[in-house]
Structures are given as structure tokens and as C-alpha cells.
């Protein structure tokens, strides 16, 4: 019984992934809440990027992304450790 449930959930998750990727293709601007699990699940290797001669290449040409990322500390706290610069790069 558990195996049947797992199979149903796997099929459902795969279908949802395909729907999310199809929606991404249709949109000009993609707005993302920073839920890394969802980002990693949708923007997969072979769909969103690939490697050519050891260099990463984006596959969603012409798309714009808006990433909404909340932080748990003040900018000053991030700046004190240098993480503010790392966050600018992401």
C-alpha cells in the first residue's frame, strides 16, 4: 500500500514539475519567492542550464527573473561578515 502511495506522489510531483517548467517557458518575467527547494526542483540541469566545455550556460534566454529573498538579519550584520557582497552576486 505504501509503495502505491509513493508511486502516486512521485507521478504527481513529476507532473507538477512539468507544469511549472511549461509555465516558465510561457512567461516573459518569472517571479520567484526564495524557496530554494522549489527553485532547485524547477530550474534543473538540462532545462534551465547546461555545461559547455566546463562553463555553465543558461537555457532560458530572453527571460527575466525577479527573486524575492527575505533575510533574517539587518544589512549591517551581513556587511560586518562580508555576506552582503555575496548576496549581491546571487
Protein backbone atom coordinates (compact mmCIF):
# COMPACT_ATOMS: atom_id res chain seq x y z
CA UNK A 1 0.00 0.00 0.00
CA UNK A 2 2.79 2.42 0.90
CA UNK A 3 4.58 1.70 -2.38
CA UNK A 4 1.43 2.57 -4.34
CA UNK A 5 1.11 5.85 -2.42
CA UNK A 6 4.77 6.70 -3.07
CA UNK A 7 4.32 5.98 -6.79
CA UNK A 8 1.21 8.20 -6.93
CA UNK A 9 3.05 11.03 -5.15
CA UNK A 10 6.10 10.67 -7.42
CA UNK A 11 3.87 10.81 -10.50
CA UNK A 12 2.04 13.85 -9.08
CA UNK A 13 5.31 15.66 -8.28
CA UNK A 14 6.71 14.91 -11.73
CA UNK A 15 3.53 16.24 -13.36
CA UNK A 16 3.67 19.38 -11.20
CA UNK A 17 7.32 19.88 -12.16
CA UNK A 18 6.50 19.63 -15.86
CA UNK A 19 3.63 22.10 -15.43
CA UNK A 20 5.88 24.57 -13.57
CA UNK A 21 8.56 24.29 -16.26
CA UNK A 22 5.97 24.76 -19.02
CA UNK A 23 4.66 27.86 -17.23
CA UNK A 24 8.23 29.18 -17.01
CA UNK A 25 8.64 28.82 -20.78
CA UNK A 26 5.41 30.77 -21.42
CA UNK A 27 6.22 33.72 -19.15
CA UNK A 28 8.39 36.72 -20.03
CA UNK A 29 9.11 37.60 -16.40
CA UNK A 30 9.49 34.96 -13.73
CA UNK A 31 8.88 35.97 -10.12
CA UNK A 32 10.35 33.64 -7.55
CA UNK A 33 9.97 33.52 -3.82
CA UNK A 34 13.25 32.31 -2.46
CA UNK A 35 12.26 28.79 -1.55
CA UNK A 36 15.41 27.02 -2.60
CA UNK A 37 13.75 23.62 -2.81
CA UNK A 38 11.28 24.90 -5.41
CA UNK A 39 13.95 26.76 -7.34
CA UNK A 40 16.20 23.68 -7.42
CA UNK A 41 13.28 21.44 -8.40
CA UNK A 42 12.08 23.60 -11.32
CA UNK A 43 15.28 25.13 -12.68
CA UNK A 44 17.06 21.85 -13.32
CA UNK A 45 20.10 20.90 -15.34
CA UNK A 46 19.06 20.44 -18.95
CA UNK A 47 16.03 22.72 -18.53
CA UNK A 48 17.44 25.96 -17.13
CA UNK A 49 21.15 25.46 -17.72
CA UNK A 50 23.80 23.12 -19.05
CA UNK A 51 27.58 22.97 -19.19
CA UNK A 52 29.50 23.53 -22.40
CA UNK A 53 33.25 22.95 -22.28
CA UNK A 54 33.11 23.19 -18.48
CA UNK A 55 31.26 26.52 -18.42
CA UNK A 56 27.68 26.97 -17.28
CA UNK A 57 25.29 28.21 -19.98
CA UNK A 58 21.76 29.45 -19.32
CA UNK A 59 18.99 27.95 -21.44
CA UNK A 60 16.16 30.37 -20.65
CA UNK A 61 17.36 33.10 -23.00
CA UNK A 62 15.23 36.25 -23.09
CA UNK A 63 13.67 35.58 -19.69
CA UNK A 64 13.84 37.97 -16.75
CA UNK A 65 13.70 36.74 -13.20
CA UNK A 66 12.61 38.62 -10.11
CA UNK A 67 13.77 36.83 -6.98
CA UNK A 68 12.15 37.82 -3.72
CA UNK A 69 14.53 36.94 -0.92
CA UNK A 70 13.87 37.70 2.71
CA UNK A 71 16.68 37.91 5.21
CA UNK A 72 16.81 37.21 8.92
CA UNK A 73 19.42 39.83 9.78
CA UNK A 74 19.95 43.52 9.19
CA UNK A 75 22.10 44.75 6.31
CA UNK A 76 24.66 45.93 8.86
CA UNK A 77 25.02 42.43 10.29
CA UNK A 78 25.53 40.96 6.81
CA UNK A 79 28.02 43.73 5.92
CA UNK A 80 30.08 43.04 9.06
CA UNK A 81 30.73 39.48 7.88
CA UNK A 82 31.03 40.29 4.17
CA UNK A 83 27.88 38.36 3.30
CA UNK A 84 26.27 41.49 1.84
CA UNK A 85 28.67 41.19 -1.12
CA UNK A 86 27.83 37.51 -1.59
CA UNK A 87 24.11 38.30 -1.57
CA UNK A 88 24.60 40.90 -4.31
CA UNK A 89 26.06 38.21 -6.55
CA UNK A 90 23.09 35.85 -6.23
